Protein backbone atom coordinates (compact mmCIF):
# COMPACT_ATOMS: atom_id res chain seq x y z
CA MET A 1 106.14 85.46 83.76
CA ASN A 2 102.30 86.39 82.78
CA ALA A 3 100.07 85.27 80.12
CA SER A 4 100.73 87.64 77.39
CA VAL A 5 104.72 87.22 77.06
CA TYR A 6 103.81 83.99 77.59
CA GLU A 7 101.77 83.85 74.45
CA GLU A 8 104.24 85.82 72.43
CA LEU A 9 106.40 82.94 72.99
CA LYS A 10 104.91 80.87 71.47
CA LYS A 11 103.80 82.96 68.80
CA ALA A 12 107.68 83.80 67.91
CA LEU A 13 108.49 80.46 68.46
CA ASP A 14 106.39 79.48 65.89
CA ILE A 15 104.82 77.02 68.90
CA VAL A 16 101.34 75.49 68.39
CA GLY A 17 98.68 76.55 71.53
CA THR A 18 98.36 72.76 73.15
CA GLY A 19 95.40 74.58 75.06
CA VAL A 20 97.08 74.96 78.32
CA SER A 21 98.09 77.83 80.48
CA GLY A 22 100.67 79.79 80.86
CA SER A 23 102.82 77.83 83.63
CA VAL A 24 105.96 78.78 83.82
CA ASN A 25 107.16 75.80 84.85
CA LEU A 26 105.56 74.45 81.64
CA ILE A 27 108.13 76.69 79.19
CA PRO A 28 110.79 74.55 78.71
CA GLU A 29 109.28 71.94 77.90
CA LEU A 30 107.03 73.75 74.69
CA LEU A 31 111.17 75.33 74.18
CA ASP A 32 112.93 72.47 73.77
CA PRO A 33 111.82 71.05 70.56
CA GLU A 34 112.14 74.42 68.80
CA ILE A 35 116.05 74.76 71.01
CA GLN A 36 116.91 70.95 69.02
CA GLU A 37 116.25 72.10 65.97
CA LEU A 38 117.74 75.60 65.84
CA ALA A 39 121.25 73.31 66.93
CA ARG A 40 121.09 70.82 63.63
CA LEU A 41 120.35 73.50 61.59
CA ASN A 42 123.50 73.70 59.21
CA ARG A 43 125.22 71.18 61.40
CA PRO A 44 125.39 67.37 58.92
CA LEU A 45 128.06 65.83 61.56
CA ARG A 46 125.28 66.68 64.84
CA THR A 47 122.54 65.86 63.21
CA ASN A 48 123.97 62.44 61.58
CA LEU A 49 125.80 61.43 64.83
CA GLY A 50 124.72 58.84 66.72
CA ARG A 51 122.81 61.07 69.89
CA LYS A 52 121.28 58.47 72.91
CA LYS A 53 120.15 58.29 75.71
CA PRO A 54 120.97 55.86 78.77
CA THR A 55 118.62 52.83 79.87
CA LEU A 56 119.02 53.90 83.16
CA ALA A 57 119.45 57.99 85.06
CA SER A 58 123.50 58.18 86.59
CA ASP A 59 125.98 60.27 86.05
CA LYS A 60 127.76 58.58 83.95
CA TRP A 61 127.59 56.40 80.62
CA GLN A 62 129.08 52.78 81.53
CA VAL A 63 130.74 51.24 78.96
CA ASN A 64 130.62 47.10 79.34
CA ARG A 65 134.51 46.43 77.86
CA ARG A 66 136.11 42.70 77.41
CA LEU A 67 139.55 42.83 78.54
CA THR A 68 140.72 39.27 77.74
CA ARG A 69 139.42 36.18 75.36
CA GLY A 70 138.58 33.12 76.33
CA THR A 71 140.55 30.31 74.34
CA ALA A 72 139.94 27.37 72.40
CA GLN A 73 141.83 24.29 71.74
CA PHE A 74 142.00 20.56 70.14
CA VAL A 75 140.95 17.81 72.75
CA ASP A 76 141.06 14.18 72.17
CA ASP A 77 137.95 11.78 71.93
CA ALA A 78 135.83 12.24 76.00
CA GLU A 79 138.91 15.27 77.09
CA GLU A 80 136.91 17.51 79.17
CA PRO A 81 138.83 21.09 77.70
CA SER A 82 140.36 23.22 80.51
CA ASP A 83 138.75 26.05 82.18
CA SER A 84 138.54 29.48 80.13
CA ASN A 85 136.39 32.37 79.96
CA ALA A 86 136.74 35.79 78.82
CA THR A 87 137.29 39.02 81.50
CA TYR A 88 135.41 41.93 80.98
CA GLY A 89 135.98 45.81 82.34
CA ARG A 90 134.02 48.33 83.00
CA THR A 91 134.77 51.78 81.19
CA PRO A 92 132.64 55.52 82.97
CA PHE A 93 132.05 58.24 80.97
CA GLU A 94 130.96 60.87 83.40
CA PHE A 95 127.95 63.41 82.14
CA LYS A 96 129.63 67.16 81.63
CA THR A 97 127.26 70.12 81.10
CA ILE A 98 127.42 72.72 78.29
CA LEU A 99 125.61 76.16 79.57
CA GLY A 100 125.27 79.09 77.84
CA ARG A 101 123.10 82.18 79.60
CA GLY A 102 121.54 84.59 77.57
CA LYS A 103 120.15 88.02 79.08
CA VAL A 104 117.63 90.76 76.97
CA SER A 105 117.96 94.12 78.47
CA LYS A 106 115.91 96.99 78.72
CA ASP A 107 117.94 98.94 76.51
CA LEU A 108 118.13 96.88 73.95
CA GLN A 109 113.91 96.33 74.00
CA ALA A 110 113.81 100.22 74.28
CA LYS A 111 115.93 100.85 70.92
CA GLY A 112 113.70 99.16 68.43
CA ALA A 113 113.14 95.72 68.00
CA SER A 114 110.00 94.58 70.07
CA TYR A 115 111.18 92.16 73.44
CA ILE A 116 109.99 88.91 71.55
CA ASP A 117 112.72 89.17 68.66
CA VAL A 118 115.36 90.20 70.74
CA LEU A 119 114.25 87.40 72.87
CA GLN A 120 114.71 84.97 69.77
CA GLU A 121 117.85 86.43 68.64
CA GLU A 122 119.64 85.84 71.79
CA MET A 123 117.98 82.60 72.04
CA GLU A 124 119.36 81.37 68.36
CA SER A 125 122.77 83.22 68.88
CA MET A 126 123.21 81.14 72.24
CA THR A 127 122.03 77.71 71.17
CA ASP A 128 125.15 78.24 68.20
CA VAL A 129 127.40 78.94 70.92
CA CYS A 130 126.77 75.31 72.80
CA ALA A 131 126.47 73.46 69.80
CA ASP A 132 129.82 74.70 68.23
CA LEU A 133 131.20 74.30 71.87
CA GLU A 134 129.71 70.01 72.23
CA GLU A 135 131.06 70.02 68.26
CA GLU A 136 134.69 71.65 69.13
CA LYS A 137 134.95 69.16 72.39
CA LEU A 138 133.19 66.33 70.28
CA ILE A 139 136.99 66.49 68.97
CA SER A 140 139.61 68.79 71.20
CA GLY A 141 138.18 67.87 74.59
CA SER A 142 140.24 66.25 77.25
CA VAL A 143 139.65 65.56 80.85
CA SER A 144 143.06 66.34 81.69
CA ALA A 145 143.69 69.34 80.82
CA ASP A 146 140.00 70.70 81.71
CA PRO A 147 137.81 67.85 84.40
CA LYS A 148 134.30 70.09 83.76
CA GLU A 149 134.79 68.80 79.76
CA TYR A 150 134.61 65.47 77.86
CA ASP A 151 137.28 63.11 75.92
CA GLY A 152 136.93 64.31 72.48
CA LEU A 153 138.26 62.15 69.89
CA HIS A 154 141.55 63.39 69.95
CA ILE A 155 141.98 61.32 73.68
CA LEU A 156 139.96 58.82 72.79
CA VAL A 157 141.98 57.80 69.71
CA PRO A 158 145.09 58.44 69.93
CA ALA A 159 147.71 58.59 66.75
CA SER A 160 149.54 55.02 68.05
CA ALA A 161 148.50 52.03 66.52
CA ASN A 162 146.66 54.10 63.61
CA PRO A 163 148.45 54.45 60.42
CA GLN A 164 150.17 57.50 59.82
CA ALA A 165 149.87 59.68 55.99
CA VAL A 166 153.83 59.36 55.76
CA ASP A 167 153.87 59.50 52.18
CA ALA A 168 155.51 62.40 49.97
CA GLY A 169 156.26 64.35 53.35
CA GLY A 170 152.36 63.66 54.62
CA THR A 171 150.48 64.33 51.28
CA LEU A 172 146.73 61.99 51.08
CA VAL A 173 147.06 58.72 48.84
CA ILE A 174 144.52 56.24 47.99
CA GLY A 175 146.54 53.76 49.59
CA LYS A 176 146.31 55.27 53.00
CA MET A 177 142.24 56.08 53.11
CA ASP A 178 142.52 52.23 52.13
CA GLU A 179 145.06 52.02 55.33
CA VAL A 180 142.38 53.54 57.45
CA ALA A 181 139.79 51.55 56.43
CA ASP A 182 141.33 48.63 57.01
CA VAL A 183 142.37 48.88 60.55
CA ASN A 184 138.44 49.54 60.86
CA TYR A 185 136.07 47.02 62.33
CA SER A 186 133.72 48.61 60.96
CA ASN A 187 130.81 47.66 57.92
CA THR A 188 130.45 51.27 55.84
CA ALA A 189 126.78 51.47 56.09
CA ASP A 190 127.62 52.22 59.67
CA MET A 191 130.39 54.38 58.95
CA LEU A 192 131.46 58.18 58.85
CA ILE A 193 134.38 60.42 57.87
CA ILE A 194 135.23 63.58 60.06
CA CYS A 195 137.83 65.90 58.80
CA SER A 196 138.93 69.55 58.48
CA GLN A 197 137.67 71.35 55.26
CA ARG A 198 141.42 70.87 53.87
CA THR A 199 141.72 67.37 54.03
CA GLN A 200 138.26 67.00 52.23
CA ARG A 201 139.48 68.95 49.52
CA ALA A 202 142.75 66.18 49.78
CA ILE A 203 139.60 63.21 49.28
CA ASN A 204 137.98 65.17 46.81
CA GLY A 205 142.06 65.41 44.70
CA LEU A 206 142.30 61.65 44.97
CA LYS A 207 139.02 60.95 43.52
CA VAL A 208 139.92 63.04 40.40
CA GLY A 209 143.19 61.54 40.54
CA ALA A 210 141.24 58.08 40.53
CA GLN A 211 139.11 58.34 38.11
CA ARG A 212 136.20 58.23 40.71
CA TYR A 213 133.15 60.13 40.62
CA MET A 214 132.44 63.08 42.42
CA ASP A 215 129.21 62.40 43.75
CA LYS A 216 127.32 63.62 46.57
CA LYS A 217 125.38 61.35 49.15
CA GLU A 218 122.63 62.12 51.29
CA VAL A 219 122.42 62.34 54.51
CA ASP A 220 119.97 62.16 57.30
CA GLY A 221 118.75 65.80 58.29
CA GLY A 222 118.81 66.34 53.82
CA PHE A 223 122.52 66.81 53.86
CA LYS A 224 124.22 66.25 50.92
CA VAL A 225 127.81 65.59 51.38
CA SER A 226 131.11 64.12 49.71
CA SER A 227 131.98 60.75 50.28
CA TRP A 228 135.07 57.93 49.95
CA ASP A 229 133.71 54.03 48.83
CA ASP A 230 129.70 55.05 49.89
CA ILE A 231 130.87 56.40 53.31
CA PRO A 232 129.80 60.01 54.22
CA ILE A 233 132.57 63.13 55.45
CA PHE A 234 131.60 65.37 57.46
CA TRP A 235 134.39 68.12 57.76
CA SER A 236 134.92 70.34 61.29
CA GLN A 237 135.80 73.62 61.45
CA PHE A 238 137.06 72.68 64.70
CA GLN A 239 139.11 69.46 62.94
CA PRO A 240 142.33 71.55 62.69
CA ASP A 241 145.20 71.68 60.47
CA THR A 242 148.00 72.62 62.91
CA GLU A 243 148.92 69.17 64.69
CA TYR A 244 151.93 67.83 64.83
CA ALA A 245 153.47 65.05 63.12
CA ASP A 246 152.68 62.63 65.23
CA GLY A 247 149.30 63.90 65.86
CA SER A 248 150.42 64.40 69.61
CA ALA A 249 149.21 67.88 70.21
CA LEU A 250 146.42 69.75 68.40
CA THR A 251 148.53 73.05 68.05
CA GLY A 252 152.11 74.21 67.28
CA GLY A 253 152.72 72.15 64.01
CA THR A 254 151.10 71.88 59.68
CA LYS A 255 149.14 68.40 59.77
CA SER A 256 145.71 67.53 60.37
CA SER A 257 144.00 64.03 61.07
CA LEU A 258 140.96 62.12 59.70
CA TYR A 259 138.54 60.29 62.14
CA LEU A 260 136.84 57.09 60.84
CA ILE A 261 134.63 56.29 63.01
CA ASN A 262 131.09 53.90 62.95
CA LYS A 263 127.94 56.07 64.73
CA SER A 264 126.46 53.38 66.50
CA LYS A 265 130.20 52.57 68.85
CA PHE A 266 130.80 56.45 69.05
CA PHE A 267 128.06 59.05 70.05
CA MET A 268 127.03 61.42 72.15
CA GLY A 269 125.78 60.16 74.85
CA LEU A 270 122.64 62.22 77.14
CA LEU A 271 121.70 62.81 79.97
CA GLU A 272 119.29 65.97 78.77
CA GLU A 273 119.21 67.44 75.33
CA LEU A 274 120.03 70.52 74.80
CA HIS A 275 116.69 72.86 75.90
CA MET A 276 116.11 76.40 77.24
CA GLU A 277 115.44 77.11 80.98
CA VAL A 278 114.08 80.49 81.47
CA LEU A 279 115.10 81.96 85.15
CA ALA A 280 112.99 83.70 87.46
CA LYS A 281 112.89 87.56 87.48
CA THR A 282 115.64 89.02 89.64
CA SER A 283 115.59 92.55 87.88
CA SER A 284 113.46 95.00 86.24
CA GLN A 285 116.80 95.95 83.87
CA PHE A 286 116.88 92.65 82.19
CA ASP A 287 115.56 88.48 81.51
CA LYS A 288 117.49 85.53 81.58
CA PHE A 289 118.13 82.34 80.33
CA ASP A 290 120.15 79.45 79.93
CA ILE A 291 120.06 76.80 76.75
CA VAL A 292 122.00 73.98 78.52
CA GLU A 293 123.11 69.88 77.90
CA ARG A 294 124.29 67.78 79.53
CA VAL A 295 126.42 65.21 77.46
CA VAL A 296 129.63 62.80 77.00
CA ALA A 297 131.19 61.61 73.98
CA VAL A 298 130.86 57.89 74.28
CA LEU A 299 133.51 55.41 72.27
CA LYS A 300 132.32 51.68 72.90
CA ASN A 301 134.66 49.60 71.56
CA ARG A 302 137.93 50.71 69.90
CA LYS A 303 138.04 48.50 66.46
CA HIS A 304 135.26 50.41 65.06
CA VAL A 305 137.22 54.09 65.48
CA SER A 306 140.18 53.98 63.71
CA ARG A 307 142.63 57.62 62.70
CA LEU A 308 144.49 59.03 59.86
CA PHE A 309 147.29 61.57 61.26
CA GLY A 310 150.34 63.26 59.28
CA ILE A 311 148.08 64.75 56.84
CA SER A 312 149.42 67.43 55.15
């Protein structure tokens, strides 16, 4: 890539000049902040869900979980207790690659907009596609269905051992909202709710019926969202309203689920944050680039996530 095209890239993406020469190896580093900002635009869930990098480079995010607890006992004076200790197991979460490849053809360049306008349009579009795919699999991902993707909430938080919205045929009621909170060990300050837009409207209806304020809560990124007992609610277009009543399948029914999570115990692990890589030019007919990230949904402790399923 020559210096003039490099300068145009910087101008189009509002990147402040750094005084360095136009080395193609530096371009992804300079574009990364813009790419990540585009991914957060109009995505309050992505902005507020934890995103963490591992302390050690690895192809997996390793979680040590306690499998059994030690025991305590009553003893007589000077009596030695029995030996007892907790046992632990390691649960790996393998990083997965999300990649979208964009292409700017000579035909597009010739038909109207300048080269850099077309490039920016394609870059923004592919960033949206990759960010949407991450959020979609955050909920519906299944390694058993496709080994290339990560397990999402639907797999990590199965319906078993979680409350079902059975009252009045699945109609959401205050008692069920309290029940799904009761089985979650988290403090309110660390929690957030993920649900469909239909379920969010049902929650708002509960607040009206209970004569509670329809207040908005400001969250990271300057977004204002609805809340329940001061827990912010993030609706996702990828949480379906077509689940089975027992929560076992995402399609084929008329029900939905609500997830209550602790964002320090469930988060996106990042091996590489979303960024752009300009590819080598192999044809005079087009220029290509990749938008790529390497991530995985990590659940550190099951007691800090809960699910209300069967919502109609």
